[in-house]
Structure formats: C-alpha cells, structure tokens
Protein backbone atom coordinates (compact mmCIF):
# COMPACT_ATOMS: atom_id res chain seq x y z
CA MET A 1 -2.30 166.01 -129.68
CA ASP A 2 1.54 165.54 -128.88
CA GLU A 3 3.15 162.10 -128.66
CA LEU A 4 2.36 162.21 -124.77
CA GLY A 5 -1.44 162.24 -125.20
CA ILE A 6 -1.79 165.72 -123.60
CA LEU A 7 -4.98 167.37 -125.00
CA PRO A 8 -6.10 170.90 -125.22
CA LEU A 9 -9.11 171.93 -123.18
CA LYS A 10 -11.16 171.89 -126.55
CA ARG A 11 -10.84 168.42 -127.11
CA VAL A 12 -12.25 167.45 -123.57
CA GLU A 13 -15.02 170.10 -123.45
CA LEU A 14 -17.76 167.41 -124.56
CA SER A 15 -16.64 164.99 -122.01
CA LEU A 16 -16.79 167.72 -119.24
CA SER A 17 -20.32 168.89 -120.48
CA LYS A 18 -21.35 165.39 -120.04
CA PHE A 19 -19.99 164.96 -116.81
CA ASN A 20 -21.15 168.21 -115.44
CA GLU A 21 -24.80 168.28 -117.06
CA VAL A 22 -25.68 164.63 -117.38
CA ALA A 23 -23.74 162.10 -115.41
CA ILE A 24 -23.16 163.94 -111.97
CA PRO A 25 -26.49 165.58 -111.64
CA HIS A 26 -28.24 162.17 -112.53
CA HIS A 27 -26.36 160.31 -109.78
CA LEU A 28 -26.58 163.19 -107.22
CA ASP A 29 -30.40 162.93 -107.82
CA LEU A 30 -30.51 159.34 -107.22
CA MET A 31 -28.32 159.82 -103.82
CA ARG A 32 -30.88 162.44 -102.73
CA GLN A 33 -33.73 160.06 -103.35
CA HIS A 34 -31.88 157.40 -101.41
CA ARG A 35 -31.08 159.51 -98.45
CA ALA A 36 -34.76 160.82 -98.35
CA ASN A 37 -36.15 157.22 -98.62
CA ILE A 38 -33.44 156.03 -95.71
CA ILE A 39 -34.81 158.89 -93.57
CA LYS A 40 -38.47 158.22 -94.40
CA TYR A 41 -38.02 154.19 -93.70
CA GLU A 42 -36.30 154.90 -90.46
CA GLU A 43 -38.97 156.82 -89.04
CA ARG A 44 -41.37 154.21 -89.92
CA GLY A 45 -39.56 151.42 -88.56
CA GLU A 46 -39.02 149.52 -91.83
CA TYR A 47 -35.42 148.46 -91.27
CA GLY A 48 -35.54 145.89 -94.28
CA ARG A 49 -36.37 148.79 -96.54
CA VAL A 50 -33.58 150.97 -94.81
CA ARG A 51 -30.97 148.32 -95.47
CA ALA A 52 -31.98 147.99 -99.27
CA GLU A 53 -31.94 152.12 -99.49
CA GLN A 54 -28.50 151.98 -97.85
CA THR A 55 -27.28 149.37 -100.32
CA ASN A 56 -28.55 151.20 -103.44
CA ALA A 57 -26.98 154.29 -101.89
CA ARG A 58 -23.85 152.68 -101.56
CA ARG A 59 -23.57 151.70 -104.96
CA VAL A 60 -24.54 155.25 -106.23
CA SER A 61 -21.76 156.48 -104.00
CA ALA A 62 -19.31 154.16 -105.61
CA GLN A 63 -20.31 155.22 -108.92
CA LEU A 64 -19.81 159.11 -107.93
CA ARG A 65 -16.45 158.29 -106.77
CA SER A 66 -15.65 156.48 -110.07
CA LEU A 67 -17.06 159.36 -111.97
CA LEU A 68 -14.61 161.56 -109.85
CA SER A 69 -11.61 159.21 -110.78
CA GLU A 70 -12.51 159.50 -114.43
CA LEU A 71 -12.62 163.23 -114.15
CA GLU A 72 -9.22 163.16 -112.71
CA ALA A 73 -7.73 160.81 -115.23
CA LEU A 74 -9.20 163.33 -118.07
CA ARG A 75 -7.48 166.06 -115.95
CA ARG A 76 -4.24 164.50 -116.15
CA ARG A 77 -4.49 164.45 -119.93
CA VAL A 78 -5.22 168.30 -120.35
CA ARG A 79 -2.42 170.72 -121.08
CA PRO A 80 -0.89 172.49 -117.97
CA GLU A 81 -1.82 175.93 -119.38
CA ASP A 82 -5.59 174.68 -119.62
CA LEU A 83 -5.81 173.17 -116.13
CA PRO A 84 -7.07 176.30 -114.38
CA LYS A 85 -10.03 176.49 -116.92
CA PHE A 86 -10.62 172.82 -116.48
CA ASP A 87 -10.58 173.20 -112.62
CA ALA A 88 -12.97 176.11 -112.65
CA SER A 89 -15.37 174.21 -115.12
CA THR A 90 -15.61 171.27 -112.70
CA GLN A 91 -15.26 172.49 -109.22
CA ARG A 92 -18.92 172.82 -108.91
CA SER A 93 -19.77 169.26 -109.84
CA ARG A 94 -16.87 168.06 -107.64
CA ASP A 95 -17.77 170.15 -104.68
CA LEU A 96 -21.74 168.90 -105.20
CA THR A 97 -20.55 165.24 -105.43
CA LEU A 98 -18.30 165.43 -102.20
CA ARG A 99 -21.18 166.96 -100.45
CA ALA A 100 -23.75 164.59 -101.34
CA ILE A 101 -21.30 161.81 -100.16
CA MET A 102 -20.83 163.11 -96.78
CA ASP A 103 -24.44 164.17 -96.42
CA TYR A 104 -25.24 160.36 -97.08
CA LEU A 105 -22.44 159.24 -94.70
CA GLY A 106 -23.96 161.46 -92.08
CA THR A 107 -27.37 159.94 -92.58
CA VAL A 108 -25.91 156.73 -92.13
CA PHE A 109 -23.75 157.37 -89.18
CA LYS A 110 -25.97 159.76 -87.16
C-alpha cells in the first residue's frame, strides 16, 4: 500500500466476496419478502400491515443504498489498473440492488 491508501485488488477481494455473497443477497432477499408481503396485505385490505411492511422495506432499501456507498468508497481505494476487474466483479450485485430498489418503488407508487 502506498502513502495514498491505494490498494491492489487482491487486498479487497475478501471484502468484495462478503458484499457479493453475503450482504447484498441477504438484503435483496429481505426486500423481496417485504415486497411480496406488501402486495399480499394490500390484496387483503390489511393497510396497517402494509404500512409496517413499507417501513421495513424502506429500512432495507436504506441499508442497500448504504452498502452501495460502502462499495463505492472501497472502489475509490483500489488501484486504477484494477478498477475494470473490480467493476466486473461487482456489476451484478450493483445491478440487482438497483433493480430491487426500483421494483420496490414500483410497488409503492403503482
């Protein structure tokens, strides 16, 4: 590591693995569950439960946005020559996260 705090990709691979294999999938699963519950409770007319699920989904959405911010902060510390590999290894997680947030927003604002 040089004096600027720039890291080789090898040094951040464990963090990337945790993002891609644990943190993001866990939160995406929570988001899917909340979205399904929102739809189910709306169909049943249980609006109190809908509001509770929306609150929980907003929290998960905020956590996903926070994870994306952390991922971007980590990206800024990676050597420029390693950025294409970094981006390639995180693209799927970023796409899935953004899609889940957009799907939730589509459910809320339909």
